[in-house]
């Protein structure tokens, strides 16, 4: 892909979108840690210096991609929760269905979980204060959207809904770092089956984490 010099705001937006789309395609092939600015520039058909005209660093690209991915996921999650949770069920049942749907939905979105896992330790470094502020404002908006969505299905969570949502996203990032395990770890499990108790399936681990969190924030009868 090659570009002529961007002269209008529309052309600049096309460039930004191409950079984000290329980064997203790379994440379908490799983890966040392996995405380099050099390779991103090569694939998008721009010199690295030109990519830096639109995003100040590799991390800035991935932070914006995280926001775009989170917005897209929340729109899909709304439909998934509506299909899975019946309003007439008791709170404990609806909470269990919420944990099940969230765990399935996030486990199916490995790239989003990988971005969450890299957010604090990698993506929020090598970026300016302005980029961080813009990212955090967007993150707060997404958190509010998720909170209202969750509360609409389990209103009994009350003020605890926001904390549950925040911890759910943090857990998704943290647990995704263990899945899938590298070949050496799988080989160790195969040689010593007793070690297999340490093996995590992302969906199951997320469901346990979400269920435990919900038990902590649901009001007691």
N, C-alpha and C. Protein backbone atom coordinates (compact mmCIF):
# COMPACT_ATOMS: atom_id res chain seq x y z
N UNK A 1 0.84 -1.19 0.00
CA UNK A 1 0.00 0.00 0.00
C UNK A 1 0.88 1.24 0.00
N UNK A 2 0.60 2.17 -0.93
CA UNK A 2 1.35 3.44 -0.96
C UNK A 2 0.36 4.59 -0.96
N UNK A 3 0.79 5.74 -0.45
CA UNK A 3 -0.07 6.90 -0.34
C UNK A 3 0.59 8.11 -0.98
N UNK A 4 -0.25 8.96 -1.55
CA UNK A 4 0.20 10.30 -1.91
C UNK A 4 0.16 11.14 -0.63
N UNK A 5 0.84 12.27 -0.67
CA UNK A 5 0.86 13.13 0.50
C UNK A 5 -0.56 13.56 0.88
N UNK A 6 -0.88 13.41 2.18
CA UNK A 6 -2.21 13.79 2.66
C UNK A 6 -2.32 15.30 2.75
N UNK A 7 -3.30 15.87 2.04
CA UNK A 7 -3.44 17.32 2.02
C UNK A 7 -4.72 17.80 2.69
N UNK A 8 -5.68 16.94 2.84
CA UNK A 8 -6.95 17.34 3.44
C UNK A 8 -7.17 16.55 4.73
N UNK A 9 -8.11 17.04 5.53
CA UNK A 9 -8.43 16.33 6.77
C UNK A 9 -8.96 14.93 6.46
N UNK A 10 -9.73 14.81 5.39
CA UNK A 10 -10.25 13.50 5.01
C UNK A 10 -9.10 12.55 4.66
N UNK A 11 -8.11 13.03 3.92
CA UNK A 11 -6.97 12.19 3.56
C UNK A 11 -6.16 11.81 4.80
N UNK A 12 -6.01 12.75 5.72
CA UNK A 12 -5.28 12.43 6.96
C UNK A 12 -6.01 11.37 7.78
N UNK A 13 -7.35 11.46 7.79
CA UNK A 13 -8.13 10.46 8.53
C UNK A 13 -8.01 9.09 7.86
N UNK A 14 -7.94 9.06 6.53
CA UNK A 14 -7.73 7.80 5.82
C UNK A 14 -6.40 7.18 6.23
N UNK A 15 -5.37 8.02 6.35
CA UNK A 15 -4.06 7.53 6.78
C UNK A 15 -4.13 6.95 8.20
N UNK A 16 -4.77 7.69 9.10
CA UNK A 16 -4.88 7.22 10.49
C UNK A 16 -5.61 5.89 10.54
N UNK A 17 -6.68 5.78 9.79
CA UNK A 17 -7.45 4.54 9.80
C UNK A 17 -6.63 3.40 9.21
N UNK A 18 -5.86 3.67 8.16
CA UNK A 18 -5.02 2.63 7.57
C UNK A 18 -3.98 2.13 8.57
N UNK A 19 -3.41 3.04 9.34
CA UNK A 19 -2.41 2.66 10.36
C UNK A 19 -3.06 1.78 11.42
N UNK A 20 -4.24 2.19 11.90
CA UNK A 20 -4.94 1.40 12.91
C UNK A 20 -5.36 0.04 12.36
N UNK A 21 -5.86 0.01 11.14
CA UNK A 21 -6.29 -1.27 10.55
C UNK A 21 -5.10 -2.21 10.35
N UNK A 22 -3.96 -1.64 9.97
CA UNK A 22 -2.77 -2.47 9.78
C UNK A 22 -2.28 -3.02 11.11
N UNK A 23 -2.29 -2.19 12.14
CA UNK A 23 -1.90 -2.66 13.47
C UNK A 23 -2.83 -3.76 13.95
N UNK A 24 -4.13 -3.61 13.69
CA UNK A 24 -5.10 -4.65 14.08
C UNK A 24 -4.82 -5.96 13.35
N UNK A 25 -4.49 -5.86 12.07
CA UNK A 25 -4.17 -7.08 11.30
C UNK A 25 -2.92 -7.75 11.83
N UNK A 26 -1.93 -6.96 12.24
CA UNK A 26 -0.71 -7.52 12.82
C UNK A 26 -1.01 -8.27 14.12
N UNK A 27 -1.93 -7.73 14.92
CA UNK A 27 -2.27 -8.37 16.19
C UNK A 27 -3.03 -9.67 16.00
N UNK A 28 -3.58 -9.88 14.81
CA UNK A 28 -4.17 -11.18 14.51
C UNK A 28 -3.10 -12.24 14.26
N UNK A 29 -1.86 -11.78 14.02
CA UNK A 29 -0.76 -12.69 13.72
C UNK A 29 0.24 -12.84 14.86
N UNK A 30 0.32 -11.84 15.73
CA UNK A 30 1.38 -11.80 16.74
C UNK A 30 0.89 -11.09 17.99
N UNK A 31 1.51 -11.34 19.15
CA UNK A 31 1.14 -10.64 20.37
C UNK A 31 1.58 -9.18 20.34
N UNK A 32 1.05 -8.39 21.25
CA UNK A 32 1.38 -6.97 21.34
C UNK A 32 2.89 -6.75 21.41
N UNK A 33 3.57 -7.58 22.18
CA UNK A 33 5.00 -7.40 22.40
C UNK A 33 5.82 -7.47 21.12
N UNK A 34 5.29 -8.13 20.08
CA UNK A 34 6.05 -8.32 18.85
C UNK A 34 5.72 -7.28 17.77
N UNK A 35 4.76 -6.42 18.03
CA UNK A 35 4.39 -5.39 17.06
C UNK A 35 5.41 -4.26 17.13
N UNK A 36 6.15 -4.04 16.05
CA UNK A 36 7.16 -2.99 16.03
C UNK A 36 6.74 -1.87 15.11
N UNK A 37 7.25 -0.69 15.39
CA UNK A 37 6.95 0.46 14.54
C UNK A 37 7.54 0.28 13.15
N UNK A 38 8.71 -0.33 13.05
CA UNK A 38 9.33 -0.57 11.75
C UNK A 38 8.45 -1.45 10.87
N UNK A 39 7.96 -2.55 11.44
CA UNK A 39 7.13 -3.46 10.66
C UNK A 39 5.77 -2.84 10.34
N UNK A 40 5.22 -2.11 11.29
CA UNK A 40 3.96 -1.42 11.04
C UNK A 40 4.11 -0.43 9.88
N UNK A 41 5.20 0.33 9.88
CA UNK A 41 5.45 1.30 8.80
C UNK A 41 5.59 0.60 7.46
N UNK A 42 6.33 -0.51 7.46
CA UNK A 42 6.53 -1.25 6.21
C UNK A 42 5.20 -1.75 5.65
N UNK A 43 4.36 -2.31 6.52
CA UNK A 43 3.10 -2.88 6.05
C UNK A 43 2.10 -1.82 5.60
N UNK A 44 2.12 -0.67 6.24
CA UNK A 44 1.16 0.36 5.88
C UNK A 44 1.63 1.16 4.67
N UNK A 45 2.91 1.01 4.31
CA UNK A 45 3.44 1.68 3.13
C UNK A 45 3.85 3.11 3.36
N UNK A 46 4.26 3.43 4.60
CA UNK A 46 4.71 4.77 4.95
C UNK A 46 6.07 4.69 5.62
N UNK A 47 6.87 5.73 5.44
CA UNK A 47 8.10 5.82 6.22
C UNK A 47 7.74 5.96 7.70
N UNK A 48 8.63 5.46 8.55
CA UNK A 48 8.36 5.54 9.99
C UNK A 48 8.13 6.98 10.43
N UNK A 49 8.87 7.90 9.85
CA UNK A 49 8.70 9.32 10.20
C UNK A 49 7.31 9.81 9.84
N UNK A 50 6.73 9.27 8.78
CA UNK A 50 5.37 9.66 8.40
C UNK A 50 4.32 9.06 9.33
N UNK A 51 4.55 7.83 9.76
CA UNK A 51 3.64 7.24 10.74
C UNK A 51 3.62 8.09 12.01
N UNK A 52 4.80 8.59 12.39
CA UNK A 52 4.91 9.40 13.61
C UNK A 52 4.27 10.77 13.46
N UNK A 53 3.88 11.14 12.26
CA UNK A 53 3.11 12.37 12.08
C UNK A 53 1.67 12.20 12.59
N UNK A 54 1.22 10.95 12.61
CA UNK A 54 -0.16 10.66 12.99
C UNK A 54 -0.27 10.11 14.40
N UNK A 55 0.73 9.38 14.82
CA UNK A 55 0.78 8.81 16.17
C UNK A 55 2.20 9.00 16.69
N UNK A 56 2.33 9.45 17.91
CA UNK A 56 3.65 9.83 18.41
C UNK A 56 4.54 8.63 18.72
N UNK A 57 3.97 7.43 18.79
CA UNK A 57 4.77 6.24 19.09
C UNK A 57 3.96 4.99 18.77
N UNK A 58 4.62 3.87 18.78
CA UNK A 58 3.94 2.58 18.62
C UNK A 58 2.87 2.41 19.70
N UNK A 59 3.21 2.82 20.92
CA UNK A 59 2.29 2.67 22.04
C UNK A 59 1.03 3.52 21.84
N UNK A 60 1.20 4.70 21.26
CA UNK A 60 0.04 5.56 21.00
C UNK A 60 -0.91 4.92 19.99
N UNK A 61 -0.35 4.25 18.98
CA UNK A 61 -1.17 3.52 18.02
C UNK A 61 -2.00 2.46 18.73
N UNK A 62 -1.33 1.69 19.57
CA UNK A 62 -2.00 0.56 20.22
C UNK A 62 -2.99 1.02 21.28
N UNK A 63 -2.73 2.14 21.93
CA UNK A 63 -3.71 2.68 22.88
C UNK A 63 -5.00 3.07 22.17
N UNK A 64 -4.86 3.72 21.01
CA UNK A 64 -6.07 4.09 20.27
C UNK A 64 -6.78 2.85 19.74
N UNK A 65 -6.01 1.86 19.35
CA UNK A 65 -6.61 0.61 18.88
C UNK A 65 -7.37 -0.07 20.02
N UNK A 66 -6.83 0.01 21.24
CA UNK A 66 -7.53 -0.54 22.40
C UNK A 66 -8.88 0.13 22.57
N UNK A 67 -8.91 1.45 22.45
CA UNK A 67 -10.17 2.17 22.62
C UNK A 67 -11.17 1.79 21.54
N UNK A 68 -10.71 1.71 20.30
CA UNK A 68 -11.59 1.33 19.18
C UNK A 68 -12.13 -0.09 19.39
N UNK A 69 -11.26 -0.99 19.81
CA UNK A 69 -11.66 -2.38 20.02
C UNK A 69 -12.64 -2.51 21.17
N UNK A 70 -12.41 -1.74 22.23
CA UNK A 70 -13.30 -1.78 23.38
C UNK A 70 -14.68 -1.26 23.02
N UNK A 71 -14.73 -0.18 22.26
CA UNK A 71 -16.02 0.36 21.83
C UNK A 71 -16.79 -0.65 20.99
N UNK A 72 -16.10 -1.32 20.07
CA UNK A 72 -16.74 -2.31 19.22
C UNK A 72 -17.25 -3.49 20.05
N UNK A 73 -16.42 -3.93 21.00
CA UNK A 73 -16.82 -5.07 21.84
C UNK A 73 -18.06 -4.75 22.67
N UNK A 74 -18.11 -3.57 23.25
CA UNK A 74 -19.25 -3.20 24.08
C UNK A 74 -20.55 -3.19 23.29
N UNK A 75 -20.49 -2.76 22.03
CA UNK A 75 -21.68 -2.78 21.19
C UNK A 75 -22.16 -4.22 20.96
N UNK A 76 -21.22 -5.13 20.77
CA UNK A 76 -21.57 -6.54 20.58
C UNK A 76 -22.03 -7.18 21.89
N UNK A 77 -21.39 -6.78 22.98
CA UNK A 77 -21.74 -7.33 24.29
C UNK A 77 -23.19 -7.01 24.65
N UNK A 78 -23.66 -5.83 24.29
CA UNK A 78 -25.04 -5.46 24.58
C UNK A 78 -26.02 -6.48 24.00
N UNK A 79 -25.77 -6.90 22.77
CA UNK A 79 -26.63 -7.89 22.13
C UNK A 79 -26.48 -9.26 22.79
N UNK A 80 -25.26 -9.62 23.16
CA UNK A 80 -25.03 -10.92 23.78
C UNK A 80 -25.73 -11.02 25.14
N UNK A 81 -25.63 -9.98 25.94
CA UNK A 81 -26.28 -10.00 27.25
C UNK A 81 -27.80 -10.02 27.11
N UNK A 82 -28.32 -9.26 26.16
CA UNK A 82 -29.76 -9.23 25.95
C UNK A 82 -30.29 -10.62 25.56
N UNK A 83 -29.49 -11.37 24.81
CA UNK A 83 -29.91 -12.70 24.38
C UNK A 83 -29.79 -13.73 25.50
N UNK A 84 -28.87 -13.52 26.45
CA UNK A 84 -28.55 -14.55 27.44
C UNK A 84 -29.26 -14.39 28.79
N UNK A 85 -29.63 -13.16 29.14
CA UNK A 85 -30.12 -12.91 30.49
C UNK A 85 -31.59 -12.54 30.46
N UNK A 86 -32.38 -13.31 31.23
CA UNK A 86 -33.82 -13.05 31.35
C UNK A 86 -34.08 -12.21 32.59
N UNK A 87 -34.85 -11.14 32.42
CA UNK A 87 -35.06 -10.19 33.51
C UNK A 87 -35.82 -10.80 34.69
N UNK A 88 -36.61 -11.85 34.44
CA UNK A 88 -37.43 -12.42 35.51
C UNK A 88 -36.65 -13.36 36.43
N UNK A 89 -35.43 -13.72 36.06
CA UNK A 89 -34.65 -14.64 36.89
C UNK A 89 -34.20 -13.94 38.17
N UNK A 90 -33.98 -14.72 39.25
CA UNK A 90 -33.49 -14.11 40.50
C UNK A 90 -32.08 -13.55 40.33
N UNK A 91 -31.66 -12.65 41.23
CA UNK A 91 -30.36 -11.99 41.07
C UNK A 91 -29.19 -12.95 40.92
N UNK A 92 -29.17 -14.02 41.71
CA UNK A 92 -28.03 -14.95 41.66
C UNK A 92 -27.93 -15.62 40.29
N UNK A 93 -29.07 -15.93 39.70
CA UNK A 93 -29.08 -16.57 38.38
C UNK A 93 -28.61 -15.58 37.32
N UNK A 94 -29.13 -14.35 37.38
CA UNK A 94 -28.70 -13.35 36.40
C UNK A 94 -27.22 -13.02 36.55
N UNK A 95 -26.72 -13.01 37.78
CA UNK A 95 -25.30 -12.77 38.00
C UNK A 95 -24.46 -13.90 37.40
N UNK A 96 -24.92 -15.13 37.55
CA UNK A 96 -24.21 -16.26 36.96
C UNK A 96 -24.19 -16.21 35.45
N UNK A 97 -25.32 -15.83 34.87
CA UNK A 97 -25.39 -15.69 33.41
C UNK A 97 -24.51 -14.54 32.93
N UNK A 98 -24.45 -13.47 33.71
CA UNK A 98 -23.56 -12.36 33.37
C UNK A 98 -22.11 -12.82 33.35
N UNK A 99 -21.70 -13.57 34.37
CA UNK A 99 -20.32 -14.07 34.42
C UNK A 99 -20.04 -15.00 33.24
N UNK A 100 -21.00 -15.84 32.90
CA UNK A 100 -20.83 -16.79 31.80
C UNK A 100 -20.70 -16.05 30.46
N UNK A 101 -21.56 -15.08 30.23
CA UNK A 101 -21.54 -14.34 28.96
C UNK A 101 -20.27 -13.50 28.83
N UNK A 102 -19.91 -12.80 29.90
CA UNK A 102 -18.70 -11.99 29.87
C UNK A 102 -17.46 -12.84 29.60
N UNK A 103 -17.36 -13.97 30.29
CA UNK A 103 -16.17 -14.82 30.13
C UNK A 103 -16.08 -15.38 28.72
N UNK A 104 -17.21 -15.80 28.17
CA UNK A 104 -17.20 -16.31 26.79
C UNK A 104 -16.85 -15.21 25.81
N UNK A 105 -17.46 -14.05 25.99
CA UNK A 105 -17.27 -12.94 25.06
C UNK A 105 -15.82 -12.46 25.04
N UNK A 106 -15.22 -12.32 26.21
CA UNK A 106 -13.84 -11.85 26.28
C UNK A 106 -12.85 -12.92 25.83
N UNK A 107 -13.11 -14.16 26.18
CA UNK A 107 -12.19 -15.23 25.77
C UNK A 107 -12.15 -15.37 24.25
N UNK A 108 -13.25 -15.00 23.59
CA UNK A 108 -13.29 -15.05 22.13
C UNK A 108 -12.55 -13.89 21.48
N UNK A 109 -12.15 -12.91 22.30
CA UNK A 109 -11.49 -11.71 21.77
C UNK A 109 -10.08 -11.61 22.36
N UNK A 110 -9.23 -12.48 21.87
CA UNK A 110 -7.87 -12.62 22.39
C UNK A 110 -7.08 -11.33 22.24
N UNK A 111 -7.24 -10.65 21.12
CA UNK A 111 -6.49 -9.41 20.88
C UNK A 111 -6.87 -8.34 21.89
N UNK A 112 -8.16 -8.19 22.15
CA UNK A 112 -8.61 -7.21 23.13
C UNK A 112 -8.02 -7.51 24.50
N UNK A 113 -8.03 -8.77 24.90
CA UNK A 113 -7.46 -9.15 26.20
C UNK A 113 -5.95 -8.88 26.23
N UNK A 114 -5.28 -9.15 25.13
CA UNK A 114 -3.84 -8.90 25.06
C UNK A 114 -3.54 -7.41 25.22
N UNK A 115 -4.36 -6.58 24.59
CA UNK A 115 -4.18 -5.13 24.72
C UNK A 115 -4.43 -4.67 26.15
N UNK A 116 -5.45 -5.23 26.80
CA UNK A 116 -5.69 -4.91 28.21
C UNK A 116 -4.49 -5.31 29.06
N UNK A 117 -3.93 -6.48 28.78
CA UNK A 117 -2.80 -6.98 29.56
C UNK A 117 -1.57 -6.10 29.42
N UNK A 118 -1.41 -5.47 28.26
CA UNK A 118 -0.24 -4.62 28.01
C UNK A 118 -0.46 -3.17 28.40
N UNK A 119 -1.68 -2.81 28.73
CA UNK A 119 -2.01 -1.40 28.92
C UNK A 119 -1.14 -0.72 29.98
N UNK A 120 -1.14 -1.22 31.19
CA UNK A 120 -0.43 -0.55 32.27
C UNK A 120 1.08 -0.67 32.19
N UNK A 121 1.56 -1.84 31.81
CA UNK A 121 3.00 -2.07 31.84
C UNK A 121 3.74 -1.66 30.59
N UNK A 122 3.03 -1.51 29.46
CA UNK A 122 3.69 -1.23 28.18
C UNK A 122 3.07 -0.03 27.46
N UNK A 123 1.78 -0.08 27.21
CA UNK A 123 1.16 0.90 26.32
C UNK A 123 1.09 2.30 26.91
N UNK A 124 1.05 2.40 28.22
CA UNK A 124 0.98 3.73 28.84
C UNK A 124 2.37 4.32 29.11
N UNK A 125 3.39 3.69 28.55
CA UNK A 125 4.75 4.22 28.58
C UNK A 125 5.09 4.74 27.18
N UNK A 126 6.06 5.64 27.10
CA UNK A 126 6.50 6.19 25.82
C UNK A 126 5.39 6.95 25.10
N UNK A 127 4.51 7.58 25.88
CA UNK A 127 3.47 8.44 25.32
C UNK A 127 3.40 9.71 26.16
N UNK A 128 2.90 10.78 25.56
CA UNK A 128 2.85 12.07 26.24
C UNK A 128 1.67 12.14 27.20
N UNK A 129 1.69 13.17 28.04
CA UNK A 129 0.59 13.41 28.97
C UNK A 129 -0.72 13.62 28.21
N UNK A 130 -0.65 14.33 27.09
CA UNK A 130 -1.86 14.58 26.31
C UNK A 130 -2.47 13.29 25.79
N UNK A 131 -1.63 12.38 25.33
CA UNK A 131 -2.13 11.09 24.84
C UNK A 131 -2.75 10.30 25.99
N UNK A 132 -2.10 10.30 27.15
CA UNK A 132 -2.64 9.60 28.31
C UNK A 132 -3.98 10.18 28.72
N UNK A 133 -4.08 11.50 28.77
CA UNK A 133 -5.34 12.12 29.17
C UNK A 133 -6.46 11.78 28.20
N UNK A 134 -6.15 11.82 26.92
CA UNK A 134 -7.17 11.49 25.91
C UNK A 134 -7.60 10.03 26.06
N UNK A 135 -6.61 9.16 26.27
CA UNK A 135 -6.91 7.74 26.44
C UNK A 135 -7.74 7.49 27.70
N UNK A 136 -7.39 8.13 28.79
CA UNK A 136 -8.10 7.90 30.05
C UNK A 136 -9.52 8.45 29.98
N UNK A 137 -9.72 9.56 29.28
CA UNK A 137 -11.08 10.08 29.12
C UNK A 137 -11.94 9.08 28.34
N UNK A 138 -11.37 8.53 27.27
CA UNK A 138 -12.10 7.53 26.49
C UNK A 138 -12.36 6.28 27.32
N UNK A 139 -11.35 5.87 28.10
CA UNK A 139 -11.50 4.68 28.93
C UNK A 139 -12.63 4.87 29.95
N UNK A 140 -12.71 6.07 30.52
CA UNK A 140 -13.76 6.34 31.49
C UNK A 140 -15.14 6.29 30.83
N UNK A 141 -15.23 6.82 29.63
CA UNK A 141 -16.50 6.76 28.89
C UNK A 141 -16.90 5.31 28.63
N UNK A 142 -15.93 4.49 28.20
CA UNK A 142 -16.23 3.06 27.94
C UNK A 142 -16.63 2.35 29.23
N UNK A 143 -15.96 2.67 30.33
CA UNK A 143 -16.29 2.06 31.60
C UNK A 143 -17.72 2.42 32.01
N UNK A 144 -18.09 3.66 31.82
CA UNK A 144 -19.46 4.09 32.15
C UNK A 144 -20.48 3.36 31.29
N UNK A 145 -20.15 3.17 30.01
CA UNK A 145 -21.05 2.42 29.12
C UNK A 145 -21.22 0.99 29.60
N UNK A 146 -20.11 0.34 29.93
CA UNK A 146 -20.16 -1.05 30.40
C UNK A 146 -20.91 -1.14 31.72
N UNK A 147 -20.68 -0.18 32.61
CA UNK A 147 -21.34 -0.18 33.91
C UNK A 147 -22.85 -0.10 33.76
N UNK A 148 -23.32 0.80 32.91
CA UNK A 148 -24.76 0.94 32.70
C UNK A 148 -25.33 -0.31 32.05
N UNK A 149 -24.58 -0.92 31.16
CA UNK A 149 -25.03 -2.14 30.50
C UNK A 149 -25.17 -3.27 31.52
N UNK A 150 -24.16 -3.46 32.35
CA UNK A 150 -24.20 -4.52 33.37
C UNK A 150 -25.31 -4.24 34.38
N UNK A 151 -25.43 -2.99 34.81
CA UNK A 151 -26.44 -2.64 35.80
C UNK A 151 -27.86 -2.82 35.24
N UNK A 152 -28.02 -2.69 33.94
CA UNK A 152 -29.36 -2.87 33.36
C UNK A 152 -29.83 -4.30 33.48
N UNK A 153 -28.89 -5.26 33.56
CA UNK A 153 -29.26 -6.67 33.68
C UNK A 153 -29.20 -7.17 35.12
N UNK A 154 -28.32 -6.57 35.91
CA UNK A 154 -28.24 -6.95 37.33
C UNK A 154 -28.25 -5.65 38.15
N UNK A 155 -29.42 -5.00 38.24
CA UNK A 155 -29.49 -3.72 38.96
C UNK A 155 -29.13 -3.83 40.43
N UNK A 156 -29.22 -5.04 40.95
CA UNK A 156 -28.90 -5.25 42.37
C UNK A 156 -27.44 -4.92 42.68
N UNK A 157 -26.60 -4.86 41.66
CA UNK A 157 -25.19 -4.52 41.89
C UNK A 157 -25.03 -3.09 42.38
N UNK A 158 -25.95 -2.22 42.00
CA UNK A 158 -25.90 -0.83 42.46
C UNK A 158 -24.57 -0.17 42.13
N UNK A 159 -24.03 0.53 43.13
CA UNK A 159 -22.75 1.23 42.94
C UNK A 159 -21.59 0.27 42.73
N UNK A 160 -21.77 -0.99 43.08
CA UNK A 160 -20.70 -1.98 42.89
C UNK A 160 -20.50 -2.38 41.45
N UNK A 161 -21.41 -1.99 40.57
CA UNK A 161 -21.31 -2.39 39.16
C UNK A 161 -20.06 -1.83 38.51
N UNK A 162 -19.70 -0.58 38.82
CA UNK A 162 -18.53 0.01 38.20
C UNK A 162 -17.25 -0.71 38.61
N UNK A 163 -17.13 -1.00 39.90
CA UNK A 163 -15.95 -1.72 40.37
C UNK A 163 -15.87 -3.10 39.73
N UNK A 164 -17.00 -3.77 39.62
CA UNK A 164 -17.01 -5.08 38.98
C UNK A 164 -16.53 -4.99 37.54
N UNK A 165 -17.02 -4.00 36.80
CA UNK A 165 -16.62 -3.85 35.40
C UNK A 165 -15.13 -3.56 35.27
N UNK A 166 -14.64 -2.66 36.10
CA UNK A 166 -13.22 -2.32 36.05
C UNK A 166 -12.36 -3.54 36.34
N UNK A 167 -12.69 -4.27 37.39
CA UNK A 167 -11.90 -5.44 37.75
C UNK A 167 -12.03 -6.55 36.72
N UNK A 168 -13.16 -6.61 36.04
CA UNK A 168 -13.33 -7.62 34.99
C UNK A 168 -12.36 -7.39 33.84
N UNK A 169 -12.21 -6.13 33.43
CA UNK A 169 -11.30 -5.81 32.34
C UNK A 169 -9.85 -6.03 32.75
N UNK A 170 -9.52 -5.65 33.99
CA UNK A 170 -8.16 -5.90 34.49
C UNK A 170 -7.88 -7.40 34.54
N UNK A 171 -8.84 -8.17 35.02
CA UNK A 171 -8.66 -9.63 35.10
C UNK A 171 -8.48 -10.25 33.72
N UNK A 172 -9.25 -9.75 32.75
CA UNK A 172 -9.12 -10.29 31.39
C UNK A 172 -7.71 -10.09 30.86
N UNK A 173 -7.14 -8.92 31.12
CA UNK A 173 -5.78 -8.67 30.68
C UNK A 173 -4.76 -9.51 31.41
N UNK A 174 -4.92 -9.63 32.72
CA UNK A 174 -3.95 -10.38 33.52
C UNK A 174 -3.98 -11.87 33.19
N UNK A 175 -5.17 -12.45 33.10
CA UNK A 175 -5.28 -13.88 32.86
C UNK A 175 -4.88 -14.27 31.45
N UNK A 176 -5.08 -13.35 30.49
CA UNK A 176 -4.74 -13.69 29.11
C UNK A 176 -3.25 -13.89 28.92
N UNK A 177 -2.43 -13.36 29.85
CA UNK A 177 -0.98 -13.53 29.74
C UNK A 177 -0.56 -14.99 29.89
N UNK A 178 -1.42 -15.80 30.48
CA UNK A 178 -1.10 -17.21 30.70
C UNK A 178 -1.66 -18.12 29.63
N UNK A 179 -2.36 -17.57 28.67
CA UNK A 179 -3.06 -18.37 27.68
C UNK A 179 -2.74 -17.87 26.28
N UNK A 180 -2.30 -18.73 25.36
CA UNK A 180 -1.93 -20.12 25.63
C UNK A 180 -0.54 -20.19 26.24
N UNK A 181 -0.26 -21.22 27.02
CA UNK A 181 1.09 -21.35 27.60
C UNK A 181 2.11 -21.68 26.51
N UNK A 182 3.36 -21.31 26.71
CA UNK A 182 4.39 -21.62 25.71
C UNK A 182 4.65 -23.12 25.64
N UNK A 183 5.27 -23.58 24.54
CA UNK A 183 5.50 -25.02 24.35
C UNK A 183 6.23 -25.69 25.52
N UNK A 184 7.20 -24.99 26.12
CA UNK A 184 7.94 -25.61 27.22
C UNK A 184 7.04 -25.90 28.41
N UNK A 185 6.07 -25.01 28.67
CA UNK A 185 5.14 -25.23 29.77
C UNK A 185 4.21 -26.40 29.45
N UNK A 186 3.71 -26.45 28.24
CA UNK A 186 2.87 -27.58 27.84
C UNK A 186 3.61 -28.90 27.93
N UNK A 187 4.89 -28.88 27.57
CA UNK A 187 5.71 -30.09 27.66
C UNK A 187 5.87 -30.52 29.12
N UNK A 188 6.05 -29.55 30.01
CA UNK A 188 6.18 -29.86 31.44
C UNK A 188 4.90 -30.50 31.97
N UNK A 189 3.74 -29.97 31.55
CA UNK A 189 2.47 -30.55 31.98
C UNK A 189 2.32 -31.98 31.47
N UNK A 190 2.79 -32.20 30.23
CA UNK A 190 2.69 -33.54 29.65
C UNK A 190 3.59 -34.52 30.38
N UNK A 191 4.78 -34.08 30.78
CA UNK A 191 5.72 -34.96 31.49
C UNK A 191 5.29 -35.24 32.92
N UNK A 192 4.69 -34.23 33.56
CA UNK A 192 4.22 -34.38 34.94
C UNK A 192 2.77 -33.95 35.03
N UNK A 193 1.85 -34.87 34.81
CA UNK A 193 0.43 -34.53 34.79
C UNK A 193 -0.06 -33.82 36.06
N UNK A 194 0.60 -34.08 37.18
CA UNK A 194 0.18 -33.42 38.42
C UNK A 194 0.31 -31.91 38.33
N UNK A 195 1.19 -31.44 37.46
CA UNK A 195 1.36 -29.99 37.29
C UNK A 195 0.19 -29.36 36.52
N UNK A 196 -0.62 -30.21 35.91
CA UNK A 196 -1.70 -29.72 35.08
C UNK A 196 -2.74 -28.89 35.81
N UNK A 197 -2.75 -29.00 37.15
CA UNK A 197 -3.68 -28.18 37.92
C UNK A 197 -3.40 -26.69 37.74
N UNK A 198 -2.19 -26.36 37.33
CA UNK A 198 -1.80 -24.97 37.10
C UNK A 198 -2.19 -24.47 35.72
N UNK A 199 -2.66 -25.37 34.87
CA UNK A 199 -3.02 -25.00 33.51
C UNK A 199 -4.34 -24.24 33.50
N UNK A 200 -4.39 -23.10 32.80
CA UNK A 200 -5.58 -22.26 32.76
C UNK A 200 -6.18 -22.25 31.36
N UNK A 201 -7.47 -22.44 31.29
CA UNK A 201 -8.24 -22.13 30.08
C UNK A 201 -8.85 -20.76 30.32
N UNK A 202 -8.66 -19.84 29.38
CA UNK A 202 -9.03 -18.45 29.62
C UNK A 202 -10.51 -18.30 29.97
N UNK A 203 -11.37 -18.94 29.23
CA UNK A 203 -12.81 -18.78 29.50
C UNK A 203 -13.17 -19.26 30.90
N UNK A 204 -12.65 -20.43 31.29
CA UNK A 204 -12.96 -20.96 32.62
C UNK A 204 -12.39 -20.07 33.72
N UNK A 205 -11.17 -19.60 33.52
CA UNK A 205 -10.54 -18.74 34.52
C UNK A 205 -11.31 -17.43 34.67
N UNK A 206 -11.73 -16.86 33.56
CA UNK A 206 -12.50 -15.62 33.62
C UNK A 206 -13.84 -15.84 34.31
N UNK A 207 -14.50 -16.94 34.02
CA UNK A 207 -15.80 -17.21 34.64
C UNK A 207 -15.67 -17.31 36.16
N UNK A 208 -14.64 -18.00 36.62
CA UNK A 208 -14.42 -18.12 38.07
C UNK A 208 -14.13 -16.75 38.67
N UNK A 209 -13.28 -15.98 38.01
CA UNK A 209 -12.94 -14.64 38.50
C UNK A 209 -14.16 -13.74 38.56
N UNK A 210 -14.96 -13.74 37.50
CA UNK A 210 -16.14 -12.87 37.45
C UNK A 210 -17.18 -13.31 38.48
N UNK A 211 -17.37 -14.61 38.62
CA UNK A 211 -18.34 -15.10 39.60
C UNK A 211 -17.93 -14.71 41.01
N UNK A 212 -16.65 -14.86 41.32
CA UNK A 212 -16.16 -14.48 42.65
C UNK A 212 -16.36 -12.99 42.90
N UNK A 213 -16.09 -12.18 41.90
CA UNK A 213 -16.26 -10.73 42.05
C UNK A 213 -17.73 -10.38 42.27
N UNK A 214 -18.60 -11.02 41.54
CA UNK A 214 -20.02 -10.74 41.68
C UNK A 214 -20.54 -11.12 43.06
N UNK A 215 -20.05 -12.21 43.60
CA UNK A 215 -20.46 -12.61 44.95
C UNK A 215 -20.03 -11.56 45.96
N UNK A 216 -18.93 -10.89 45.66
CA UNK A 216 -18.42 -9.87 46.58
C UNK A 216 -19.20 -8.58 46.55
N UNK A 217 -19.82 -8.26 45.40
CA UNK A 217 -20.50 -6.97 45.28
C UNK A 217 -22.02 -7.07 45.31
N UNK A 218 -22.57 -8.28 45.11
CA UNK A 218 -24.02 -8.42 45.22
C UNK A 218 -24.44 -8.20 46.67
N UNK A 219 -25.52 -7.46 46.92
CA UNK A 219 -25.99 -7.27 48.30
C UNK A 219 -26.48 -8.58 48.89
N UNK A 220 -26.22 -8.76 50.17
CA UNK A 220 -26.69 -9.95 50.87
C UNK A 220 -28.17 -9.80 51.20
N UNK A 221 -28.87 -10.92 51.14
CA UNK A 221 -30.30 -10.89 51.48
C UNK A 221 -30.46 -10.60 52.98
